[in-house]
């Protein structure tokens, strides 16, 4: 399990083409990719399981806890990203609710 951030402070300012915004790079891949949005309500959980392919979890809002095969939970919140390798055991849970993008790709 690896932790990243995609908040505004980690991004790059773009001014080309009269643009004025900041972008935080998330992933670049040439493999088939599945992208989904998860909505976990209060006390929601994505149960403990093995990742079928490498998986990146991007917390859009809310906060929760993640773990891998160790039983130690790590707090995550808006702007955090968590990466799990293929076959890595993991779980995500929340007390108050969270919304996240999940990117799965070989």
PDB file of N, CA and C in Angstrom:
ATOM      1  N   UNK A   1       0.850  -1.158   0.000  1.00  0.00           N
ATOM      2  CA  UNK A   1       0.000   0.000   0.000  1.00  0.00           C
ATOM      3  C   UNK A   1       0.900   1.227   0.000  1.00  0.00           C
ATOM      4  N   UNK A   2       0.604   2.146  -0.915  1.00  0.00           N
ATOM      5  CA  UNK A   2       1.357   3.391  -1.011  1.00  0.00           C
ATOM      6  C   UNK A   2       0.384   4.557  -0.935  1.00  0.00           C
ATOM      7  N   UNK A   3       0.822   5.679  -0.370  1.00  0.00           N
ATOM      8  CA  UNK A   3      -0.020   6.855  -0.217  1.00  0.00           C
ATOM      9  C   UNK A   3       0.510   7.997  -1.083  1.00  0.00           C
ATOM     10  N   UNK A   4      -0.430   8.738  -1.688  1.00  0.00           N
ATOM     11  CA  UNK A   4      -0.107   9.891  -2.529  1.00  0.00           C
ATOM     12  C   UNK A   4      -1.097  10.994  -2.204  1.00  0.00           C
ATOM     13  N   UNK A   5      -0.895  12.148  -2.823  1.00  0.00           N
ATOM     14  CA  UNK A   5      -1.848  13.242  -2.691  1.00  0.00           C
ATOM     15  C   UNK A   5      -2.080  13.849  -4.069  1.00  0.00           C
ATOM     16  N   UNK A   6      -3.295  14.319  -4.286  1.00  0.00           N
ATOM     17  CA  UNK A   6      -3.594  15.015  -5.534  1.00  0.00           C
ATOM     18  C   UNK A   6      -4.272  16.353  -5.237  1.00  0.00           C
ATOM     19  N   UNK A   7      -3.927  16.928  -4.093  1.00  0.00           N
ATOM     20  CA  UNK A   7      -4.511  18.214  -3.719  1.00  0.00           C
ATOM     21  C   UNK A   7      -3.909  19.350  -4.556  1.00  0.00           C
ATOM     22  N   UNK A   8      -4.462  20.526  -4.391  1.00  0.00           N
ATOM     23  CA  UNK A   8      -4.037  21.699  -5.167  1.00  0.00           C
ATOM     24  C   UNK A   8      -2.553  21.994  -4.997  1.00  0.00           C
ATOM     25  N   UNK A   9      -2.046  21.838  -3.774  1.00  0.00           N
ATOM     26  CA  UNK A   9      -0.644  22.154  -3.486  1.00  0.00           C
ATOM     27  C   UNK A   9       0.338  21.220  -4.207  1.00  0.00           C
ATOM     28  N   UNK A  10      -0.107  20.033  -4.572  1.00  0.00           N
ATOM     29  CA  UNK A  10       0.788  19.098  -5.268  1.00  0.00           C
ATOM     30  C   UNK A  10       0.704  19.233  -6.787  1.00  0.00           C
ATOM     31  N   UNK A  11      -0.139  20.150  -7.255  1.00  0.00           N
ATOM     32  CA  UNK A  11      -0.362  20.297  -8.693  1.00  0.00           C
ATOM     33  C   UNK A  11       0.588  21.258  -9.378  1.00  0.00           C
ATOM     34  N   UNK A  12       0.355  21.396 -10.671  1.00  0.00           N
ATOM     35  CA  UNK A  12       1.170  22.266 -11.532  1.00  0.00           C
ATOM     36  C   UNK A  12       0.258  23.307 -12.180  1.00  0.00           C
ATOM     37  N   UNK A  13       0.691  24.556 -12.147  1.00  0.00           N
ATOM     38  CA  UNK A  13      -0.092  25.628 -12.761  1.00  0.00           C
ATOM     39  C   UNK A  13       0.033  25.558 -14.277  1.00  0.00           C
ATOM     40  N   UNK A  14      -1.103  25.654 -14.941  1.00  0.00           N
ATOM     41  CA  UNK A  14      -1.154  25.620 -16.411  1.00  0.00           C
ATOM     42  C   UNK A  14      -1.638  26.980 -16.912  1.00  0.00           C
ATOM     43  N   UNK A  15      -0.857  27.563 -17.839  1.00  0.00           N
ATOM     44  CA  UNK A  15      -1.244  28.863 -18.391  1.00  0.00           C
ATOM     45  C   UNK A  15      -1.308  28.853 -19.919  1.00  0.00           C
ATOM     46  N   UNK A  16      -0.975  27.721 -20.540  1.00  0.00           N
ATOM     47  CA  UNK A  16      -1.037  27.625 -22.005  1.00  0.00           C
ATOM     48  C   UNK A  16      -2.474  27.846 -22.491  1.00  0.00           C
ATOM     49  N   UNK A  17      -2.622  28.406 -23.684  1.00  0.00           N
ATOM     50  CA  UNK A  17      -3.916  28.645 -24.332  1.00  0.00           C
ATOM     51  C   UNK A  17      -4.810  29.588 -23.515  1.00  0.00           C
ATOM     52  N   UNK A  18      -4.198  30.546 -22.823  1.00  0.00           N
ATOM     53  CA  UNK A  18      -4.928  31.479 -21.955  1.00  0.00           C
ATOM     54  C   UNK A  18      -5.604  30.767 -20.787  1.00  0.00           C
ATOM     55  N   UNK A  19      -5.061  29.643 -20.383  1.00  0.00           N
ATOM     56  CA  UNK A  19      -5.614  28.878 -19.267  1.00  0.00           C
ATOM     57  C   UNK A  19      -5.108  29.436 -17.946  1.00  0.00           C
ATOM     58  N   UNK A  20      -5.848  29.151 -16.907  1.00  0.00           N
ATOM     59  CA  UNK A  20      -5.449  29.547 -15.559  1.00  0.00           C
ATOM     60  C   UNK A  20      -6.027  28.517 -14.585  1.00  0.00           C
ATOM     61  N   UNK A  21      -5.307  27.410 -14.411  1.00  0.00           N
ATOM     62  CA  UNK A  21      -5.761  26.364 -13.499  1.00  0.00           C
ATOM     63  C   UNK A  21      -4.571  25.549 -13.023  1.00  0.00           C
ATOM     64  N   UNK A  22      -4.817  24.713 -12.049  1.00  0.00           N
ATOM     65  CA  UNK A  22      -3.799  23.819 -11.509  1.00  0.00           C
ATOM     66  C   UNK A  22      -4.263  22.395 -11.737  1.00  0.00           C
ATOM     67  N   UNK A  23      -3.363  21.546 -12.204  1.00  0.00           N
ATOM     68  CA  UNK A  23      -3.687  20.145 -12.432  1.00  0.00           C
ATOM     69  C   UNK A  23      -2.733  19.272 -11.622  1.00  0.00           C
ATOM     70  N   UNK A  24      -3.304  18.259 -11.001  1.00  0.00           N
ATOM     71  CA  UNK A  24      -2.513  17.277 -10.262  1.00  0.00           C
ATOM     72  C   UNK A  24      -2.584  15.970 -11.032  1.00  0.00           C
ATOM     73  N   UNK A  25      -1.455  15.539 -11.548  1.00  0.00           N
ATOM     74  CA  UNK A  25      -1.405  14.314 -12.333  1.00  0.00           C
ATOM     75  C   UNK A  25      -1.788  13.126 -11.462  1.00  0.00           C
ATOM     76  N   UNK A  26      -2.582  12.231 -12.030  1.00  0.00           N
ATOM     77  CA  UNK A  26      -3.024  11.061 -11.290  1.00  0.00           C
ATOM     78  C   UNK A  26      -2.423   9.784 -11.860  1.00  0.00           C
ATOM     79  N   UNK A  27      -2.606   9.531 -13.144  1.00  0.00           N
ATOM     80  CA  UNK A  27      -2.111   8.280 -13.717  1.00  0.00           C
ATOM     81  C   UNK A  27      -1.973   8.412 -15.230  1.00  0.00           C
ATOM     82  N   UNK A  28      -1.030   7.687 -15.772  1.00  0.00           N
ATOM     83  CA  UNK A  28      -0.879   7.573 -17.221  1.00  0.00           C
ATOM     84  C   UNK A  28      -0.748   6.090 -17.519  1.00  0.00           C
ATOM     85  N   UNK A  29      -1.587   5.582 -18.411  1.00  0.00           N
ATOM     86  CA  UNK A  29      -1.547   4.160 -18.727  1.00  0.00           C
ATOM     87  C   UNK A  29      -1.938   3.920 -20.174  1.00  0.00           C
ATOM     88  N   UNK A  30      -1.412   2.865 -20.737  1.00  0.00           N
ATOM     89  CA  UNK A  30      -1.792   2.455 -22.088  1.00  0.00           C
ATOM     90  C   UNK A  30      -2.585   1.150 -22.036  1.00  0.00           C
ATOM     91  N   UNK A  31      -2.820   0.650 -20.844  1.00  0.00           N
ATOM     92  CA  UNK A  31      -3.554  -0.609 -20.652  1.00  0.00           C
ATOM     93  C   UNK A  31      -5.048  -0.326 -20.492  1.00  0.00           C
ATOM     94  N   UNK A  32      -5.860  -1.382 -20.689  1.00  0.00           N
ATOM     95  CA  UNK A  32      -7.283  -1.275 -20.437  1.00  0.00           C
ATOM     96  C   UNK A  32      -7.487  -0.834 -18.983  1.00  0.00           C
ATOM     97  N   UNK A  33      -8.360   0.143 -18.787  1.00  0.00           N
ATOM     98  CA  UNK A  33      -8.542   0.744 -17.474  1.00  0.00           C
ATOM     99  C   UNK A  33     -10.025   0.863 -17.146  1.00  0.00           C
ATOM    100  N   UNK A  34     -10.369   0.555 -15.906  1.00  0.00           N
ATOM    101  CA  UNK A  34     -11.733   0.756 -15.411  1.00  0.00           C
ATOM    102  C   UNK A  34     -11.699   1.875 -14.385  1.00  0.00           C
ATOM    103  N   UNK A  35     -12.635   2.820 -14.524  1.00  0.00           N
ATOM    104  CA  UNK A  35     -12.711   3.944 -13.602  1.00  0.00           C
ATOM    105  C   UNK A  35     -14.141   4.012 -13.078  1.00  0.00           C
ATOM    106  N   UNK A  36     -14.268   4.071 -11.767  1.00  0.00           N
ATOM    107  CA  UNK A  36     -15.588   4.137 -11.157  1.00  0.00           C
ATOM    108  C   UNK A  36     -15.606   5.138 -10.024  1.00  0.00           C
ATOM    109  N   UNK A  37     -16.809   5.517  -9.618  1.00  0.00           N
ATOM    110  CA  UNK A  37     -16.994   6.424  -8.495  1.00  0.00           C
ATOM    111  C   UNK A  37     -17.744   5.670  -7.403  1.00  0.00           C
ATOM    112  N   UNK A  38     -17.156   5.603  -6.214  1.00  0.00           N
ATOM    113  CA  UNK A  38     -17.771   4.909  -5.089  1.00  0.00           C
ATOM    114  C   UNK A  38     -18.363   5.914  -4.114  1.00  0.00           C
ATOM    115  N   UNK A  39     -19.552   5.606  -3.637  1.00  0.00           N
ATOM    116  CA  UNK A  39     -20.232   6.435  -2.645  1.00  0.00           C
ATOM    117  C   UNK A  39     -20.469   5.562  -1.417  1.00  0.00           C
ATOM    118  N   UNK A  40     -19.729   5.815  -0.364  1.00  0.00           N
ATOM    119  CA  UNK A  40     -19.914   5.084   0.884  1.00  0.00           C
ATOM    120  C   UNK A  40     -20.698   5.966   1.843  1.00  0.00           C
ATOM    121  N   UNK A  41     -21.831   5.473   2.291  1.00  0.00           N
ATOM    122  CA  UNK A  41     -22.638   6.203   3.266  1.00  0.00           C
ATOM    123  C   UNK A  41     -22.025   6.087   4.648  1.00  0.00           C
ATOM    124  N   UNK A  42     -22.658   6.687   5.626  1.00  0.00           N
ATOM    125  CA  UNK A  42     -22.212   6.595   7.004  1.00  0.00           C
ATOM    126  C   UNK A  42     -22.035   5.120   7.378  1.00  0.00           C
ATOM    127  N   UNK A  43     -20.917   4.792   7.994  1.00  0.00           N
ATOM    128  CA  UNK A  43     -20.552   3.424   8.377  1.00  0.00           C
ATOM    129  C   UNK A  43     -20.420   2.476   7.180  1.00  0.00           C
ATOM    130  N   UNK A  44     -20.122   3.025   6.004  1.00  0.00           N
ATOM    131  CA  UNK A  44     -19.939   2.222   4.797  1.00  0.00           C
ATOM    132  C   UNK A  44     -18.606   1.488   4.809  1.00  0.00           C
ATOM    133  N   UNK A  45     -18.561   0.403   4.040  1.00  0.00           N
ATOM    134  CA  UNK A  45     -17.335  -0.395   3.992  1.00  0.00           C
ATOM    135  C   UNK A  45     -17.193  -1.076   2.634  1.00  0.00           C
ATOM    136  N   UNK A  46     -15.969  -1.118   2.153  1.00  0.00           N
ATOM    137  CA  UNK A  46     -15.588  -1.981   1.039  1.00  0.00           C
ATOM    138  C   UNK A  46     -14.824  -3.102   1.725  1.00  0.00           C
ATOM    139  N   UNK A  47     -15.438  -4.273   1.808  1.00  0.00           N
ATOM    140  CA  UNK A  47     -14.918  -5.371   2.605  1.00  0.00           C
ATOM    141  C   UNK A  47     -13.521  -5.826   2.221  1.00  0.00           C
ATOM    142  N   UNK A  48     -12.885  -6.455   3.165  1.00  0.00           N
ATOM    143  CA  UNK A  48     -11.518  -6.962   3.032  1.00  0.00           C
ATOM    144  C   UNK A  48     -11.461  -7.988   1.900  1.00  0.00           C
ATOM    145  N   UNK A  49     -10.620  -7.708   0.882  1.00  0.00           N
ATOM    146  CA  UNK A  49     -10.500  -8.590  -0.284  1.00  0.00           C
ATOM    147  C   UNK A  49      -9.164  -8.345  -0.982  1.00  0.00           C
ATOM    148  N   UNK A  50      -8.831  -9.227  -1.924  1.00  0.00           N
ATOM    149  CA  UNK A  50      -7.609  -9.070  -2.724  1.00  0.00           C
ATOM    150  C   UNK A  50      -7.907  -8.248  -3.968  1.00  0.00           C
ATOM    151  N   UNK A  51      -6.976  -7.369  -4.322  1.00  0.00           N
ATOM    152  CA  UNK A  51      -7.107  -6.596  -5.557  1.00  0.00           C
ATOM    153  C   UNK A  51      -6.877  -7.509  -6.754  1.00  0.00           C
ATOM    154  N   UNK A  52      -7.813  -7.493  -7.690  1.00  0.00           N
ATOM    155  CA  UNK A  52      -7.704  -8.326  -8.886  1.00  0.00           C
ATOM    156  C   UNK A  52      -6.638  -7.779  -9.832  1.00  0.00           C
ATOM    157  N   UNK A  53      -6.522  -6.466  -9.871  1.00  0.00           N
ATOM    158  CA  UNK A  53      -5.503  -5.753 -10.656  1.00  0.00           C
ATOM    159  C   UNK A  53      -4.997  -4.600  -9.782  1.00  0.00           C
ATOM    160  N   UNK A  54      -3.894  -3.943 -10.150  1.00  0.00           N
ATOM    161  CA  UNK A  54      -3.477  -2.761  -9.400  1.00  0.00           C
ATOM    162  C   UNK A  54      -4.631  -1.753  -9.307  1.00  0.00           C
ATOM    163  N   UNK A  55      -4.751  -1.102  -8.168  1.00  0.00           N
ATOM    164  CA  UNK A  55      -5.910  -0.248  -7.912  1.00  0.00           C
ATOM    165  C   UNK A  55      -5.485   1.044  -7.222  1.00  0.00           C
ATOM    166  N   UNK A  56      -6.044   2.156  -7.693  1.00  0.00           N
ATOM    167  CA  UNK A  56      -5.774   3.471  -7.115  1.00  0.00           C
ATOM    168  C   UNK A  56      -7.088   4.049  -6.604  1.00  0.00           C
ATOM    169  N   UNK A  57      -7.136   4.429  -5.338  1.00  0.00           N
ATOM    170  CA  UNK A  57      -8.314   5.001  -4.701  1.00  0.00           C
ATOM    171  C   UNK A  57      -8.054   6.482  -4.463  1.00  0.00           C
ATOM    172  N   UNK A  58      -8.911   7.350  -5.000  1.00  0.00           N
ATOM    173  CA  UNK A  58      -8.765   8.804  -4.878  1.00  0.00           C
ATOM    174  C   UNK A  58      -9.925   9.347  -4.054  1.00  0.00           C
ATOM    175  N   UNK A  59      -9.652   9.869  -2.878  1.00  0.00           N
ATOM    176  CA  UNK A  59     -10.703  10.380  -2.008  1.00  0.00           C
ATOM    177  C   UNK A  59     -11.110  11.777  -2.472  1.00  0.00           C
ATOM    178  N   UNK A  60     -12.355  11.910  -2.942  1.00  0.00           N
ATOM    179  CA  UNK A  60     -12.857  13.202  -3.423  1.00  0.00           C
ATOM    180  C   UNK A  60     -13.427  14.046  -2.299  1.00  0.00           C
ATOM    181  N   UNK A  61     -14.176  13.424  -1.404  1.00  0.00           N
ATOM    182  CA  UNK A  61     -14.663  14.140  -0.233  1.00  0.00           C
ATOM    183  C   UNK A  61     -14.973  13.154   0.881  1.00  0.00           C
ATOM    184  N   UNK A  62     -15.005  13.676   2.077  1.00  0.00           N
ATOM    185  CA  UNK A  62     -15.212  12.837   3.246  1.00  0.00           C
ATOM    186  C   UNK A  62     -13.893  12.309   3.780  1.00  0.00           C
ATOM    187  N   UNK A  63     -14.013  11.362   4.707  1.00  0.00           N
ATOM    188  CA  UNK A  63     -12.813  10.739   5.256  1.00  0.00           C
ATOM    189  C   UNK A  63     -13.139   9.323   5.689  1.00  0.00           C
ATOM    190  N   UNK A  64     -12.092   8.526   5.802  1.00  0.00           N
ATOM    191  CA  UNK A  64     -12.270   7.143   6.210  1.00  0.00           C
ATOM    192  C   UNK A  64     -10.946   6.535   6.594  1.00  0.00           C
ATOM    193  N   UNK A  65     -10.898   5.212   6.521  1.00  0.00           N
ATOM    194  CA  UNK A  65      -9.718   4.464   6.929  1.00  0.00           C
ATOM    195  C   UNK A  65      -9.460   3.351   5.926  1.00  0.00           C
ATOM    196  N   UNK A  66      -8.182   3.087   5.667  1.00  0.00           N
ATOM    197  CA  UNK A  66      -7.785   2.009   4.768  1.00  0.00           C
ATOM    198  C   UNK A  66      -6.756   1.135   5.472  1.00  0.00           C
ATOM    199  N   UNK A  67      -6.651  -0.089   4.988  1.00  0.00           N
ATOM    200  CA  UNK A  67      -5.625  -0.992   5.503  1.00  0.00           C
ATOM    201  C   UNK A  67      -5.266  -1.970   4.408  1.00  0.00           C
ATOM    202  N   UNK A  68      -4.140  -2.662   4.621  1.00  0.00           N
ATOM    203  CA  UNK A  68      -3.764  -3.771   3.752  1.00  0.00           C
ATOM    204  C   UNK A  68      -3.819  -5.025   4.611  1.00  0.00           C
ATOM    205  N   UNK A  69      -2.929  -5.993   4.363  1.00  0.00           N
ATOM    206  CA  UNK A  69      -2.993  -7.247   5.126  1.00  0.00           C
ATOM    207  C   UNK A  69      -2.690  -7.070   6.614  1.00  0.00           C
ATOM    208  N   UNK A  70      -2.040  -5.982   6.963  1.00  0.00           N
ATOM    209  CA  UNK A  70      -1.833  -5.675   8.379  1.00  0.00           C
ATOM    210  C   UNK A  70      -3.151  -5.128   8.923  1.00  0.00           C
ATOM    211  N   UNK A  71      -3.400  -5.306  10.179  1.00  0.00           N
ATOM    212  CA  UNK A  71      -4.661  -4.840  10.750  1.00  0.00           C
ATOM    213  C   UNK A  71      -4.600  -3.397  11.233  1.00  0.00           C
ATOM    214  N   UNK A  72      -3.564  -2.655  10.784  1.00  0.00           N
ATOM    215  CA  UNK A  72      -3.424  -1.249  11.142  1.00  0.00           C
ATOM    216  C   UNK A  72      -4.162  -0.393  10.112  1.00  0.00           C
ATOM    217  N   UNK A  73      -5.065   0.455  10.590  1.00  0.00           N
ATOM    218  CA  UNK A  73      -5.815   1.347   9.709  1.00  0.00           C
ATOM    219  C   UNK A  73      -5.123   2.702   9.618  1.00  0.00           C
ATOM    220  N   UNK A  74      -5.183   3.299   8.412  1.00  0.00           N
ATOM    221  CA  UNK A  74      -4.616   4.619   8.170  1.00  0.00           C
ATOM    222  C   UNK A  74      -5.748   5.553   7.753  1.00  0.00           C
ATOM    223  N   UNK A  75      -5.797   6.740   8.354  1.00  0.00           N
ATOM    224  CA  UNK A  75      -6.830   7.708   8.030  1.00  0.00           C
ATOM    225  C   UNK A  75      -6.555   8.338   6.674  1.00  0.00           C
ATOM    226  N   UNK A  76      -7.607   8.480   5.855  1.00  0.00           N
ATOM    227  CA  UNK A  76      -7.522   9.154   4.561  1.00  0.00           C
ATOM    228  C   UNK A  76      -8.644  10.183   4.485  1.00  0.00           C
ATOM    229  N   UNK A  77      -8.388  11.248   3.741  1.00  0.00           N
ATOM    230  CA  UNK A  77      -9.398  12.295   3.588  1.00  0.00           C
ATOM    231  C   UNK A  77      -9.253  12.943   2.215  1.00  0.00           C
ATOM    232  N   UNK A  78     -10.096  13.911   1.941  1.00  0.00           N
ATOM    233  CA  UNK A  78     -10.132  14.594   0.649  1.00  0.00           C
ATOM    234  C   UNK A  78      -8.727  14.935   0.157  1.00  0.00           C
ATOM    235  N   UNK A  79      -8.434  14.539  -1.080  1.00  0.00           N
ATOM    236  CA  UNK A  79      -7.134  14.839  -1.683  1.00  0.00           C
ATOM    237  C   UNK A  79      -6.105  13.745  -1.510  1.00  0.00           C
ATOM    238  N   UNK A  80      -6.421  12.709  -0.731  1.00  0.00           N
ATOM    239  CA  UNK A  80      -5.493  11.588  -0.552  1.00  0.00           C
ATOM    240  C   UNK A  80      -5.742  10.521  -1.608  1.00  0.00           C
ATOM    241  N   UNK A  81      -4.691   9.807  -1.944  1.00  0.00           N
ATOM    242  CA  UNK A  81      -4.783   8.679  -2.878  1.00  0.00           C
ATOM    243  C   UNK A  81      -4.045   7.495  -2.276  1.00  0.00           C
ATOM    244  N   UNK A  82      -4.595   6.302  -2.476  1.00  0.00           N
ATOM    245  CA  UNK A  82      -3.996   5.079  -1.959  1.00  0.00           C
ATOM    246  C   UNK A  82      -3.865   4.092  -3.112  1.00  0.00           C
ATOM    247  N   UNK A  83      -2.694   3.475  -3.222  1.00  0.00           N
ATOM    248  CA  UNK A  83      -2.435   2.507  -4.298  1.00  0.00           C
ATOM    249  C   UNK A  83      -2.204   1.125  -3.703  1.00  0.00           C
ATOM    250  N   UNK A  84      -2.891   0.133  -4.281  1.00  0.00           N
ATOM    251  CA  UNK A  84      -2.683  -1.258  -3.896  1.00  0.00           C
ATOM    252  C   UNK A  84      -2.234  -2.050  -5.114  1.00  0.00           C
ATOM    253  N   UNK A  85      -1.248  -2.914  -4.920  1.00  0.00           N
ATOM    254  CA  UNK A  85      -0.757  -3.800  -5.979  1.00  0.00           C
ATOM    255  C   UNK A  85      -1.754  -4.927  -6.233  1.00  0.00           C
ATOM    256  N   UNK A  86      -1.644  -5.569  -7.372  1.00  0.00           N
ATOM    257  CA  UNK A  86      -2.432  -6.764  -7.683  1.00  0.00           C
ATOM    258  C   UNK A  86      -2.194  -7.792  -6.572  1.00  0.00           C
ATOM    259  N   UNK A  87      -3.244  -8.461  -6.162  1.00  0.00           N
ATOM    260  CA  UNK A  87      -3.247  -9.504  -5.130  1.00  0.00           C
ATOM    261  C   UNK A  87      -3.076  -8.968  -3.709  1.00  0.00           C
ATOM    262  N   UNK A  88      -2.905  -7.659  -3.532  1.00  0.00           N
ATOM    263  CA  UNK A  88      -2.751  -7.119  -2.182  1.00  0.00           C
ATOM    264  C   UNK A  88      -4.120  -7.073  -1.487  1.00  0.00           C
ATOM    265  N   UNK A  89      -4.177  -7.591  -0.284  1.00  0.00           N
ATOM    266  CA  UNK A  89      -5.393  -7.560   0.514  1.00  0.00           C
ATOM    267  C   UNK A  89      -5.612  -6.140   1.016  1.00  0.00           C
ATOM    268  N   UNK A  90      -6.876  -5.693   1.002  1.00  0.00           N
ATOM    269  CA  UNK A  90      -7.159  -4.335   1.451  1.00  0.00           C
ATOM    270  C   UNK A  90      -8.628  -4.151   1.830  1.00  0.00           C
ATOM    271  N   UNK A  91      -8.875  -3.041   2.520  1.00  0.00           N
ATOM    272  CA  UNK A  91     -10.222  -2.699   2.975  1.00  0.00           C
ATOM    273  C   UNK A  91     -10.310  -1.184   3.102  1.00  0.00           C
ATOM    274  N   UNK A  92     -11.492  -0.640   2.852  1.00  0.00           N
ATOM    275  CA  UNK A  92     -11.763   0.784   3.033  1.00  0.00           C
ATOM    276  C   UNK A  92     -13.050   0.911   3.837  1.00  0.00           C
ATOM    277  N   UNK A  93     -13.042   1.782   4.838  1.00  0.00           N
ATOM    278  CA  UNK A  93     -14.261   1.983   5.619  1.00  0.00           C
ATOM    279  C   UNK A  93     -14.359   3.445   6.029  1.00  0.00           C
ATOM    280  N   UNK A  94     -15.562   3.862   6.424  1.00  0.00           N
ATOM    281  CA  UNK A  94     -15.795   5.236   6.828  1.00  0.00           C
ATOM    282  C   UNK A  94     -16.836   5.289   7.941  1.00  0.00           C
ATOM    283  N   UNK A  95     -16.685   6.237   8.828  1.00  0.00           N
ATOM    284  CA  UNK A  95     -17.687   6.469   9.870  1.00  0.00           C
ATOM    285  C   UNK A  95     -18.743   7.460   9.382  1.00  0.00           C
ATOM    286  N   UNK A  96     -18.294   8.515   8.724  1.00  0.00           N
ATOM    287  CA  UNK A  96     -19.188   9.612   8.332  1.00  0.00           C
ATOM    288  C   UNK A  96     -19.602   9.591   6.868  1.00  0.00           C
ATOM    289  N   UNK A  97     -18.924   8.805   6.026  1.00  0.00           N
ATOM    290  CA  UNK A  97     -19.203   8.764   4.589  1.00  0.00           C
ATOM    291  C   UNK A  97     -18.048   9.329   3.784  1.00  0.00           C
ATOM    292  N   UNK A  98     -17.904   8.836   2.568  1.00  0.00           N
ATOM    293  CA  UNK A  98     -16.884   9.364   1.654  1.00  0.00           C
ATOM    294  C   UNK A  98     -17.256   9.035   0.224  1.00  0.00           C
ATOM    295  N   UNK A  99     -16.721   9.828  -0.684  1.00  0.00           N
ATOM    296  CA  UNK A  99     -16.858   9.598  -2.117  1.00  0.00           C
ATOM    297  C   UNK A  99     -15.465   9.475  -2.690  1.00  0.00           C
ATOM    298  N   UNK A 100     -15.264   8.465  -3.541  1.00  0.00           N
ATOM    299  CA  UNK A 100     -13.927   8.214  -4.080  1.00  0.00           C
ATOM    300  C   UNK A 100     -14.004   7.730  -5.523  1.00  0.00           C
ATOM    301  N   UNK A 101     -12.986   8.034  -6.286  1.00  0.00           N
ATOM    302  CA  UNK A 101     -12.793   7.483  -7.623  1.00  0.00           C
ATOM    303  C   UNK A 101     -11.861   6.290  -7.483  1.00  0.00           C
ATOM    304  N   UNK A 102     -12.210   5.201  -8.151  1.00  0.00           N
ATOM    305  CA  UNK A 102     -11.372   4.007  -8.151  1.00  0.00           C
ATOM    306  C   UNK A 102     -10.885   3.774  -9.580  1.00  0.00           C
ATOM    307  N   UNK A 103      -9.574   3.670  -9.752  1.00  0.00           N
ATOM    308  CA  UNK A 103      -8.986   3.396 -11.054  1.00  0.00           C
ATOM    309  C   UNK A 103      -8.298   2.043 -10.954  1.00  0.00           C
ATOM    310  N   UNK A 104      -8.717   1.106 -11.831  1.00  0.00           N
ATOM    311  CA  UNK A 104      -8.139  -0.227 -11.846  1.00  0.00           C
ATOM    312  C   UNK A 104      -7.558  -0.494 -13.232  1.00  0.00           C
ATOM    313  N   UNK A 105      -6.318  -0.942 -13.276  1.00  0.00           N
ATOM    314  CA  UNK A 105      -5.662  -1.177 -14.560  1.00  0.00           C
ATOM    315  C   UNK A 105      -4.447  -2.050 -14.385  1.00  0.00           C
ATOM    316  N   UNK A 106      -4.171  -2.875 -15.362  1.00  0.00           N
ATOM    317  CA  UNK A 106      -2.955  -3.682 -15.359  1.00  0.00           C
ATOM    318  C   UNK A 106      -1.776  -2.789 -15.673  1.00  0.00           C
TER     319      UNK A 106
END
